[in-house]
């Protein structure tokens, strides 16, 4: 229930903020919201605005979604090792020390998020710390540090913003053309037709666009694996992936799956956020990345 309320409040805040921004833009520029220019501005503001606001809020949202606990002062040997290992890897890759959190889960997973390379978050599940050897866990941490060092969260947000913009603009542009050909008695475009058409087109275009974002998500996983192998050694990274093959379906929220080391399976590989683990292992062994 808490997660649902958090999601609703976040969405409401984003929509209200973007609406205020749009009204300011329209007032300052004199552009009409119903014009082609107005539609393009709306698509850009909502397309990029939603993506970047989500990125800025990602650390807090992520911590709340998994009920994670930030490790500030280590309370045991495991937490001391965890902070020390991440700190060493962060120094090697030239990023600031990430905020480190642990969350209770039976799923062996970890994820990284955050809007800045020097102010990011790495969260690790209790199952991963319990069931992996230190070498395997070190490789997983290197994988997440590599995501941060590569700027994957920002580049994925930029890509999502561009895709959102095209989806919003094209769906409403085509819906407006359809509605104009189905005018009401007052010779105005049929708004019911416009609404239904725009929603249907957004669904279709959004599904097609997700193929692009999922492709990029899989692409960056290979590179994070390769960078992690350079940081801690190929054998450790392969061993970590082999261990993940034995774990069950990840239990992260859908919004965080793309940032975890282990992703959900899908009916088609085109909609998978992560490549199949056996392909990731093959790429490492054959030095394909």
C-alpha atoms as a PDB file:
ATOM      1  CA  UNK A   1       0.000   0.000   0.000  1.00  0.00           C
ATOM      2  CA  UNK A   2       2.841   2.383   0.911  1.00  0.00           C
ATOM      3  CA  UNK A   3       4.486   1.827  -2.485  1.00  0.00           C
ATOM      4  CA  UNK A   4       1.224   2.560  -4.328  1.00  0.00           C
ATOM      5  CA  UNK A   5       0.672   5.799  -2.386  1.00  0.00           C
ATOM      6  CA  UNK A   6       4.301   6.823  -3.019  1.00  0.00           C
ATOM      7  CA  UNK A   7       3.878   6.201  -6.760  1.00  0.00           C
ATOM      8  CA  UNK A   8       0.619   8.171  -6.939  1.00  0.00           C
ATOM      9  CA  UNK A   9       2.033  11.129  -5.018  1.00  0.00           C
ATOM     10  CA  UNK A  10       5.163  11.170  -7.200  1.00  0.00           C
ATOM     11  CA  UNK A  11       3.158  11.069 -10.426  1.00  0.00           C
ATOM     12  CA  UNK A  12       0.853  13.841  -9.207  1.00  0.00           C
ATOM     13  CA  UNK A  13       3.832  16.032  -8.283  1.00  0.00           C
ATOM     14  CA  UNK A  14       5.436  15.476 -11.693  1.00  0.00           C
ATOM     15  CA  UNK A  15       2.232  16.294 -13.591  1.00  0.00           C
ATOM     16  CA  UNK A  16       1.561  19.458 -11.559  1.00  0.00           C
ATOM     17  CA  UNK A  17       5.157  20.666 -11.951  1.00  0.00           C
ATOM     18  CA  UNK A  18       5.159  20.098 -15.718  1.00  0.00           C
ATOM     19  CA  UNK A  19       1.767  21.784 -16.099  1.00  0.00           C
ATOM     20  CA  UNK A  20       3.102  24.899 -14.362  1.00  0.00           C
ATOM     21  CA  UNK A  21       6.190  24.886 -16.611  1.00  0.00           C
ATOM     22  CA  UNK A  22       4.015  24.558 -19.729  1.00  0.00           C
ATOM     23  CA  UNK A  23       1.797  27.466 -18.692  1.00  0.00           C
ATOM     24  CA  UNK A  24       4.870  29.643 -18.094  1.00  0.00           C
ATOM     25  CA  UNK A  25       6.348  28.692 -21.494  1.00  0.00           C
ATOM     26  CA  UNK A  26       3.086  29.412 -23.328  1.00  0.00           C
ATOM     27  CA  UNK A  27       2.735  32.778 -21.516  1.00  0.00           C
ATOM     28  CA  UNK A  28       6.295  33.908 -22.250  1.00  0.00           C
ATOM     29  CA  UNK A  29       6.349  32.792 -25.891  1.00  0.00           C
ATOM     30  CA  UNK A  30       2.758  33.537 -26.847  1.00  0.00           C
ATOM     31  CA  UNK A  31       2.495  30.106 -28.470  1.00  0.00           C
ATOM     32  CA  UNK A  32      -0.949  28.531 -28.447  1.00  0.00           C
ATOM     33  CA  UNK A  33      -1.161  25.106 -26.832  1.00  0.00           C
ATOM     34  CA  UNK A  34      -3.260  23.828 -29.752  1.00  0.00           C
ATOM     35  CA  UNK A  35      -0.742  24.815 -32.427  1.00  0.00           C
ATOM     36  CA  UNK A  36       1.909  22.554 -33.925  1.00  0.00           C
ATOM     37  CA  UNK A  37       4.615  24.485 -32.057  1.00  0.00           C
ATOM     38  CA  UNK A  38       2.631  24.214 -28.857  1.00  0.00           C
ATOM     39  CA  UNK A  39       2.233  20.474 -29.347  1.00  0.00           C
ATOM     40  CA  UNK A  40       5.968  20.081 -29.898  1.00  0.00           C
ATOM     41  CA  UNK A  41       6.770  22.087 -26.752  1.00  0.00           C
ATOM     42  CA  UNK A  42       4.309  20.008 -24.752  1.00  0.00           C
ATOM     43  CA  UNK A  43       5.869  16.791 -26.077  1.00  0.00           C
ATOM     44  CA  UNK A  44       9.394  17.961 -25.204  1.00  0.00           C
ATOM     45  CA  UNK A  45       8.468  19.208 -21.723  1.00  0.00           C
ATOM     46  CA  UNK A  46       6.529  16.093 -20.793  1.00  0.00           C
ATOM     47  CA  UNK A  47       8.883  13.728 -22.625  1.00  0.00           C
ATOM     48  CA  UNK A  48      12.108  14.995 -21.082  1.00  0.00           C
ATOM     49  CA  UNK A  49      10.607  16.504 -17.950  1.00  0.00           C
ATOM     50  CA  UNK A  50       9.099  13.269 -16.712  1.00  0.00           C
ATOM     51  CA  UNK A  51      12.276  11.326 -17.442  1.00  0.00           C
ATOM     52  CA  UNK A  52      14.592  13.807 -15.699  1.00  0.00           C
ATOM     53  CA  UNK A  53      12.347  14.390 -12.702  1.00  0.00           C
ATOM     54  CA  UNK A  54      12.208  10.618 -12.214  1.00  0.00           C
ATOM     55  CA  UNK A  55      16.012  10.459 -12.471  1.00  0.00           C
ATOM     56  CA  UNK A  56      16.517  13.238  -9.919  1.00  0.00           C
ATOM     57  CA  UNK A  57      14.128  11.518  -7.519  1.00  0.00           C
ATOM     58  CA  UNK A  58      15.418   8.022  -8.313  1.00  0.00           C
ATOM     59  CA  UNK A  59      17.598   7.600  -5.206  1.00  0.00           C
ATOM     60  CA  UNK A  60      14.803   8.364  -2.764  1.00  0.00           C
ATOM     61  CA  UNK A  61      12.222   6.429  -4.764  1.00  0.00           C
ATOM     62  CA  UNK A  62      14.556   3.426  -5.027  1.00  0.00           C
ATOM     63  CA  UNK A  63      15.290   3.366  -1.302  1.00  0.00           C
ATOM     64  CA  UNK A  64      11.600   3.572  -0.434  1.00  0.00           C
ATOM     65  CA  UNK A  65      10.567   0.983  -3.018  1.00  0.00           C
ATOM     66  CA  UNK A  66      12.856  -1.675  -1.504  1.00  0.00           C
ATOM     67  CA  UNK A  67      12.774  -0.329   2.093  1.00  0.00           C
ATOM     68  CA  UNK A  68      16.547  -0.056   1.954  1.00  0.00           C
ATOM     69  CA  UNK A  69      18.745   0.995   4.865  1.00  0.00           C
ATOM     70  CA  UNK A  70      21.715   3.279   4.185  1.00  0.00           C
ATOM     71  CA  UNK A  71      25.005   2.015   5.590  1.00  0.00           C
ATOM     72  CA  UNK A  72      26.783   5.031   7.092  1.00  0.00           C
ATOM     73  CA  UNK A  73      28.825   3.442   9.846  1.00  0.00           C
ATOM     74  CA  UNK A  74      29.552  -0.290   9.381  1.00  0.00           C
ATOM     75  CA  UNK A  75      28.092  -2.434  12.171  1.00  0.00           C
ATOM     76  CA  UNK A  76      29.773  -5.705  11.232  1.00  0.00           C
ATOM     77  CA  UNK A  77      32.526  -7.210   9.079  1.00  0.00           C
ATOM     78  CA  UNK A  78      30.239  -7.605   6.068  1.00  0.00           C
ATOM     79  CA  UNK A  79      29.220  -3.948   6.055  1.00  0.00           C
ATOM     80  CA  UNK A  80      32.834  -2.845   6.596  1.00  0.00           C
ATOM     81  CA  UNK A  81      33.947  -4.992   3.651  1.00  0.00           C
ATOM     82  CA  UNK A  82      31.082  -3.661   1.544  1.00  0.00           C
ATOM     83  CA  UNK A  83      31.966   0.005   2.078  1.00  0.00           C
ATOM     84  CA  UNK A  84      35.683  -0.604   1.662  1.00  0.00           C
ATOM     85  CA  UNK A  85      35.211  -2.562  -1.579  1.00  0.00           C
ATOM     86  CA  UNK A  86      32.905   0.003  -3.179  1.00  0.00           C
ATOM     87  CA  UNK A  87      35.185   2.845  -2.102  1.00  0.00           C
ATOM     88  CA  UNK A  88      38.204   1.200  -3.757  1.00  0.00           C
ATOM     89  CA  UNK A  89      36.268   0.559  -6.969  1.00  0.00           C
ATOM     90  CA  UNK A  90      34.918   4.115  -7.002  1.00  0.00           C
ATOM     91  CA  UNK A  91      38.452   5.491  -6.712  1.00  0.00           C
ATOM     92  CA  UNK A  92      39.664   3.273  -9.547  1.00  0.00           C
ATOM     93  CA  UNK A  93      36.881   4.444 -11.871  1.00  0.00           C
ATOM     94  CA  UNK A  94      37.119   8.109 -10.878  1.00  0.00           C
ATOM     95  CA  UNK A  95      33.654   8.560  -9.370  1.00  0.00           C
ATOM     96  CA  UNK A  96      32.590   9.842  -5.979  1.00  0.00           C
ATOM     97  CA  UNK A  97      31.816   7.371  -3.223  1.00  0.00           C
ATOM     98  CA  UNK A  98      28.204   6.230  -3.790  1.00  0.00           C
ATOM     99  CA  UNK A  99      25.628   6.032  -1.052  1.00  0.00           C
ATOM    100  CA  UNK A 100      25.460   2.357  -0.049  1.00  0.00           C
ATOM    101  CA  UNK A 101      22.251   0.669   1.073  1.00  0.00           C
ATOM    102  CA  UNK A 102      21.184  -2.857   1.982  1.00  0.00           C
ATOM    103  CA  UNK A 103      17.649  -4.146   1.522  1.00  0.00           C
ATOM    104  CA  UNK A 104      15.980  -7.337   2.696  1.00  0.00           C
ATOM    105  CA  UNK A 105      15.129  -9.696  -0.154  1.00  0.00           C
ATOM    106  CA  UNK A 106      15.328 -13.369  -1.039  1.00  0.00           C
ATOM    107  CA  UNK A 107      16.417 -12.297  -4.514  1.00  0.00           C
ATOM    108  CA  UNK A 108      20.152 -12.083  -5.237  1.00  0.00           C
ATOM    109  CA  UNK A 109      20.363  -8.673  -6.853  1.00  0.00           C
ATOM    110  CA  UNK A 110      21.893  -5.211  -6.682  1.00  0.00           C
ATOM    111  CA  UNK A 111      21.231  -1.989  -8.523  1.00  0.00           C
ATOM    112  CA  UNK A 112      22.686   1.477  -9.022  1.00  0.00           C
ATOM    113  CA  UNK A 113      20.865   4.718  -9.676  1.00  0.00           C
ATOM    114  CA  UNK A 114      21.253   8.467  -9.294  1.00  0.00           C
ATOM    115  CA  UNK A 115      21.432  11.616 -11.400  1.00  0.00           C
ATOM    116  CA  UNK A 116      25.154  12.268 -10.883  1.00  0.00           C
ATOM    117  CA  UNK A 117      28.319  10.169 -11.082  1.00  0.00           C
ATOM    118  CA  UNK A 118      29.539  11.622  -7.786  1.00  0.00           C
ATOM    119  CA  UNK A 119      26.228  11.336  -5.959  1.00  0.00           C
ATOM    120  CA  UNK A 120      24.767   7.947  -6.787  1.00  0.00           C
ATOM    121  CA  UNK A 121      23.289   4.988  -4.938  1.00  0.00           C
ATOM    122  CA  UNK A 122      24.204   1.324  -4.886  1.00  0.00           C
ATOM    123  CA  UNK A 123      21.752  -1.005  -3.151  1.00  0.00           C
ATOM    124  CA  UNK A 124      22.534  -4.645  -2.403  1.00  0.00           C
ATOM    125  CA  UNK A 125      20.129  -7.353  -1.306  1.00  0.00           C
ATOM    126  CA  UNK A 126      20.698  -9.384   1.827  1.00  0.00           C
ATOM    127  CA  UNK A 127      20.377 -12.578  -0.227  1.00  0.00           C
ATOM    128  CA  UNK A 128      23.291 -11.547  -2.437  1.00  0.00           C
ATOM    129  CA  UNK A 129      25.526 -10.837   0.553  1.00  0.00           C
ATOM    130  CA  UNK A 130      24.480 -14.101   2.170  1.00  0.00           C
ATOM    131  CA  UNK A 131      24.664 -16.481  -0.797  1.00  0.00           C
ATOM    132  CA  UNK A 132      27.559 -15.140  -2.866  1.00  0.00           C
ATOM    133  CA  UNK A 133      31.232 -15.512  -2.110  1.00  0.00           C
ATOM    134  CA  UNK A 134      33.212 -12.313  -1.596  1.00  0.00           C
ATOM    135  CA  UNK A 135      34.750 -12.665  -5.054  1.00  0.00           C
ATOM    136  CA  UNK A 136      31.314 -13.013  -6.661  1.00  0.00           C
ATOM    137  CA  UNK A 137      29.867 -10.123  -4.664  1.00  0.00           C
ATOM    138  CA  UNK A 138      32.899  -7.990  -5.521  1.00  0.00           C
ATOM    139  CA  UNK A 139      32.201  -8.575  -9.220  1.00  0.00           C
ATOM    140  CA  UNK A 140      28.541  -7.577  -8.806  1.00  0.00           C
ATOM    141  CA  UNK A 141      29.592  -4.380  -7.049  1.00  0.00           C
ATOM    142  CA  UNK A 142      32.078  -3.669  -9.855  1.00  0.00           C
ATOM    143  CA  UNK A 143      29.249  -4.132 -12.355  1.00  0.00           C
ATOM    144  CA  UNK A 144      27.123  -1.515 -10.576  1.00  0.00           C
ATOM    145  CA  UNK A 145      30.053   0.879 -10.147  1.00  0.00           C
ATOM    146  CA  UNK A 146      30.678   0.516 -13.889  1.00  0.00           C
ATOM    147  CA  UNK A 147      27.085   1.567 -14.630  1.00  0.00           C
ATOM    148  CA  UNK A 148      27.717   4.750 -12.645  1.00  0.00           C
ATOM    149  CA  UNK A 149      31.126   5.402 -14.206  1.00  0.00           C
ATOM    150  CA  UNK A 150      29.656   4.886 -17.698  1.00  0.00           C
ATOM    151  CA  UNK A 151      26.887   7.389 -16.988  1.00  0.00           C
ATOM    152  CA  UNK A 152      24.283   4.782 -17.921  1.00  0.00           C
ATOM    153  CA  UNK A 153      21.489   6.297 -15.830  1.00  0.00           C
ATOM    154  CA  UNK A 154      21.828   9.696 -17.528  1.00  0.00           C
ATOM    155  CA  UNK A 155      22.190   8.343 -21.071  1.00  0.00           C
ATOM    156  CA  UNK A 156      19.215   6.049 -20.577  1.00  0.00           C
ATOM    157  CA  UNK A 157      17.197   9.019 -19.295  1.00  0.00           C
ATOM    158  CA  UNK A 158      18.167  11.098 -22.355  1.00  0.00           C
ATOM    159  CA  UNK A 159      17.162   8.253 -24.645  1.00  0.00           C
ATOM    160  CA  UNK A 160      13.869   7.834 -22.806  1.00  0.00           C
ATOM    161  CA  UNK A 161      13.233  11.579 -23.060  1.00  0.00           C
ATOM    162  CA  UNK A 162      13.763  11.587 -26.838  1.00  0.00           C
ATOM    163  CA  UNK A 163      11.540   8.538 -27.272  1.00  0.00           C
ATOM    164  CA  UNK A 164       8.832   9.991 -25.013  1.00  0.00           C
ATOM    165  CA  UNK A 165       8.872  13.195 -27.053  1.00  0.00           C
ATOM    166  CA  UNK A 166       8.389  11.365 -30.354  1.00  0.00           C
ATOM    167  CA  UNK A 167       5.657   9.128 -28.908  1.00  0.00           C
ATOM    168  CA  UNK A 168       3.687  12.061 -27.465  1.00  0.00           C
ATOM    169  CA  UNK A 169       4.101  14.286 -30.522  1.00  0.00           C
ATOM    170  CA  UNK A 170       3.325  11.673 -33.179  1.00  0.00           C
ATOM    171  CA  UNK A 171       0.367  10.146 -31.344  1.00  0.00           C
ATOM    172  CA  UNK A 172      -1.311  13.527 -30.791  1.00  0.00           C
ATOM    173  CA  UNK A 173      -0.473  14.837 -34.255  1.00  0.00           C
ATOM    174  CA  UNK A 174      -2.040  11.797 -35.916  1.00  0.00           C
ATOM    175  CA  UNK A 175      -4.963  11.795 -33.458  1.00  0.00           C
ATOM    176  CA  UNK A 176      -5.663  15.437 -34.284  1.00  0.00           C
ATOM    177  CA  UNK A 177      -5.753  14.599 -38.008  1.00  0.00           C
ATOM    178  CA  UNK A 178      -8.165  11.731 -37.345  1.00  0.00           C
ATOM    179  CA  UNK A 179     -10.388  13.900 -35.125  1.00  0.00           C
ATOM    180  CA  UNK A 180     -10.420  16.681 -37.751  1.00  0.00           C
ATOM    181  CA  UNK A 181     -11.855  14.215 -40.265  1.00  0.00           C
ATOM    182  CA  UNK A 182     -14.596  13.300 -37.792  1.00  0.00           C
ATOM    183  CA  UNK A 183     -15.909  16.766 -36.904  1.00  0.00           C
ATOM    184  CA  UNK A 184     -18.857  17.355 -34.601  1.00  0.00           C
ATOM    185  CA  UNK A 185     -21.961  19.413 -35.411  1.00  0.00           C
ATOM    186  CA  UNK A 186     -20.201  22.659 -34.485  1.00  0.00           C
ATOM    187  CA  UNK A 187     -17.573  21.869 -37.120  1.00  0.00           C
ATOM    188  CA  UNK A 188     -14.951  21.328 -34.411  1.00  0.00           C
ATOM    189  CA  UNK A 189     -12.701  18.247 -34.230  1.00  0.00           C
ATOM    190  CA  UNK A 190     -14.359  15.400 -32.352  1.00  0.00           C
ATOM    191  CA  UNK A 191     -12.584  15.437 -28.974  1.00  0.00           C
ATOM    192  CA  UNK A 192     -13.812  11.971 -28.027  1.00  0.00           C
ATOM    193  CA  UNK A 193     -12.253  10.583 -31.206  1.00  0.00           C
ATOM    194  CA  UNK A 194      -9.090  12.589 -30.482  1.00  0.00           C
ATOM    195  CA  UNK A 195      -8.841  11.225 -26.943  1.00  0.00           C
ATOM    196  CA  UNK A 196      -9.397   7.584 -27.921  1.00  0.00           C
ATOM    197  CA  UNK A 197      -7.064   7.806 -30.930  1.00  0.00           C
ATOM    198  CA  UNK A 198      -4.260   9.523 -28.979  1.00  0.00           C
ATOM    199  CA  UNK A 199      -4.417   6.949 -26.178  1.00  0.00           C
ATOM    200  CA  UNK A 200      -4.416   4.032 -28.624  1.00  0.00           C
ATOM    201  CA  UNK A 201      -1.541   5.492 -30.649  1.00  0.00           C
ATOM    202  CA  UNK A 202       0.510   6.210 -27.523  1.00  0.00           C
ATOM    203  CA  UNK A 203       0.066   2.582 -26.510  1.00  0.00           C
ATOM    204  CA  UNK A 204       1.201   1.294 -29.908  1.00  0.00           C
ATOM    205  CA  UNK A 205       4.085   3.760 -30.338  1.00  0.00           C
ATOM    206  CA  UNK A 206       5.110   3.254 -26.711  1.00  0.00           C
ATOM    207  CA  UNK A 207       5.341  -0.501 -27.219  1.00  0.00           C
ATOM    208  CA  UNK A 208       7.423  -0.053 -30.377  1.00  0.00           C
ATOM    209  CA  UNK A 209       9.641   2.502 -28.632  1.00  0.00           C
ATOM    210  CA  UNK A 210      10.214   0.129 -25.725  1.00  0.00           C
ATOM    211  CA  UNK A 211      12.048  -2.158 -28.152  1.00  0.00           C
ATOM    212  CA  UNK A 212      14.671   0.584 -28.519  1.00  0.00           C
ATOM    213  CA  UNK A 213      15.034   1.265 -24.795  1.00  0.00           C
ATOM    214  CA  UNK A 214      15.268  -2.439 -23.987  1.00  0.00           C
ATOM    215  CA  UNK A 215      17.902  -2.886 -26.701  1.00  0.00           C
ATOM    216  CA  UNK A 216      19.984  -0.125 -25.126  1.00  0.00           C
ATOM    217  CA  UNK A 217      19.458  -1.611 -21.668  1.00  0.00           C
ATOM    218  CA  UNK A 218      20.833  -4.952 -22.881  1.00  0.00           C
ATOM    219  CA  UNK A 219      23.705  -3.204 -24.683  1.00  0.00           C
ATOM    220  CA  UNK A 220      24.855  -1.391 -21.547  1.00  0.00           C
ATOM    221  CA  UNK A 221      24.736  -4.614 -19.522  1.00  0.00           C
ATOM    222  CA  UNK A 222      27.396  -6.146 -21.752  1.00  0.00           C
ATOM    223  CA  UNK A 223      29.627  -3.102 -21.288  1.00  0.00           C
ATOM    224  CA  UNK A 224      29.106  -3.030 -17.527  1.00  0.00           C
ATOM    225  CA  UNK A 225      30.087  -6.717 -17.412  1.00  0.00           C
ATOM    226  CA  UNK A 226      33.215  -6.013 -19.457  1.00  0.00           C
ATOM    227  CA  UNK A 227      34.223  -3.036 -17.301  1.00  0.00           C
ATOM    228  CA  UNK A 228      33.623  -5.060 -14.148  1.00  0.00           C
ATOM    229  CA  UNK A 229      35.839  -7.825 -15.557  1.00  0.00           C
ATOM    230  CA  UNK A 230      38.606  -5.280 -16.089  1.00  0.00           C
ATOM    231  CA  UNK A 231      38.176  -4.018 -12.537  1.00  0.00           C
ATOM    232  CA  UNK A 232      38.158  -7.320 -10.637  1.00  0.00           C
ATOM    233  CA  UNK A 233      38.997 -10.000 -13.192  1.00  0.00           C
ATOM    234  CA  UNK A 234      37.034 -11.934 -15.795  1.00  0.00           C
ATOM    235  CA  UNK A 235      36.829 -15.119 -13.720  1.00  0.00           C
ATOM    236  CA  UNK A 236      35.110 -13.317 -10.825  1.00  0.00           C
ATOM    237  CA  UNK A 237      32.548 -11.728 -13.128  1.00  0.00           C
ATOM    238  CA  UNK A 238      31.773 -15.031 -14.826  1.00  0.00           C
ATOM    239  CA  UNK A 239      31.467 -16.753 -11.436  1.00  0.00           C
ATOM    240  CA  UNK A 240      28.995 -14.067 -10.286  1.00  0.00           C
ATOM    241  CA  UNK A 241      26.863 -14.536 -13.400  1.00  0.00           C
ATOM    242  CA  UNK A 242      26.953 -18.310 -12.976  1.00  0.00           C
ATOM    243  CA  UNK A 243      25.690 -17.855  -9.425  1.00  0.00           C
ATOM    244  CA  UNK A 244      22.870 -15.592 -10.645  1.00  0.00           C
ATOM    245  CA  UNK A 245      21.710 -18.349 -12.991  1.00  0.00           C
ATOM    246  CA  UNK A 246      20.671 -20.339  -9.922  1.00  0.00           C
ATOM    247  CA  UNK A 247      18.544 -17.560  -8.446  1.00  0.00           C
ATOM    248  CA  UNK A 248      14.814 -17.129  -8.939  1.00  0.00           C
ATOM    249  CA  UNK A 249      12.922 -14.349 -10.745  1.00  0.00           C
ATOM    250  CA  UNK A 250      14.070 -10.900  -9.521  1.00  0.00           C
ATOM    251  CA  UNK A 251      11.656  -9.105  -7.186  1.00  0.00           C
ATOM    252  CA  UNK A 252      12.692  -5.496  -7.855  1.00  0.00           C
ATOM    253  CA  UNK A 253      10.049  -2.949  -8.821  1.00  0.00           C
ATOM    254  CA  UNK A 254       9.631  -2.655 -12.608  1.00  0.00           C
ATOM    255  CA  UNK A 255      11.109   0.859 -12.531  1.00  0.00           C
ATOM    256  CA  UNK A 256      14.321  -0.481 -10.954  1.00  0.00           C
ATOM    257  CA  UNK A 257      14.712  -3.733 -12.922  1.00  0.00           C
ATOM    258  CA  UNK A 258      16.640  -1.994 -15.695  1.00  0.00           C
ATOM    259  CA  UNK A 259      19.264  -0.909 -13.152  1.00  0.00           C
ATOM    260  CA  UNK A 260      19.721  -4.254 -11.425  1.00  0.00           C
ATOM    261  CA  UNK A 261      22.382  -6.801 -12.355  1.00  0.00           C
ATOM    262  CA  UNK A 262      19.726  -9.473 -12.872  1.00  0.00           C
ATOM    263  CA  UNK A 263      16.643  -8.718 -15.002  1.00  0.00           C
ATOM    264  CA  UNK A 264      13.273 -10.339 -15.511  1.00  0.00           C
ATOM    265  CA  UNK A 265      12.582 -12.819 -18.273  1.00  0.00           C
ATOM    266  CA  UNK A 266      10.136 -11.975 -21.052  1.00  0.00           C
ATOM    267  CA  UNK A 267       8.196 -13.864 -23.702  1.00  0.00           C
ATOM    268  CA  UNK A 268      10.500 -12.307 -26.264  1.00  0.00           C
ATOM    269  CA  UNK A 269      14.142 -11.318 -25.974  1.00  0.00           C
ATOM    270  CA  UNK A 270      13.286  -8.002 -27.647  1.00  0.00           C
ATOM    271  CA  UNK A 271      11.461  -6.919 -24.474  1.00  0.00           C
ATOM    272  CA  UNK A 272      14.102  -8.119 -22.015  1.00  0.00           C
ATOM    273  CA  UNK A 273      15.942  -5.454 -19.985  1.00  0.00           C
ATOM    274  CA  UNK A 274      18.961  -7.762 -19.621  1.00  0.00           C
ATOM    275  CA  UNK A 275      20.544 -10.225 -22.052  1.00  0.00           C
ATOM    276  CA  UNK A 276      20.246 -13.922 -21.117  1.00  0.00           C
ATOM    277  CA  UNK A 277      22.964 -14.732 -18.604  1.00  0.00           C
ATOM    278  CA  UNK A 278      24.495 -17.440 -20.792  1.00  0.00           C
ATOM    279  CA  UNK A 279      25.018 -14.844 -23.537  1.00  0.00           C
ATOM    280  CA  UNK A 280      26.677 -12.470 -21.091  1.00  0.00           C
ATOM    281  CA  UNK A 281      29.020 -15.237 -19.971  1.00  0.00           C
ATOM    282  CA  UNK A 282      29.785 -16.129 -23.589  1.00  0.00           C
ATOM    283  CA  UNK A 283      30.595 -12.484 -24.393  1.00  0.00           C
ATOM    284  CA  UNK A 284      33.034 -12.331 -21.482  1.00  0.00           C
ATOM    285  CA  UNK A 285      34.740 -15.599 -22.321  1.00  0.00           C
ATOM    286  CA  UNK A 286      35.149 -14.671 -25.991  1.00  0.00           C
ATOM    287  CA  UNK A 287      36.093 -11.030 -25.247  1.00  0.00           C
ATOM    288  CA  UNK A 288      33.261  -9.841 -27.512  1.00  0.00           C
ATOM    289  CA  UNK A 289      32.909  -6.472 -25.729  1.00  0.00           C
END
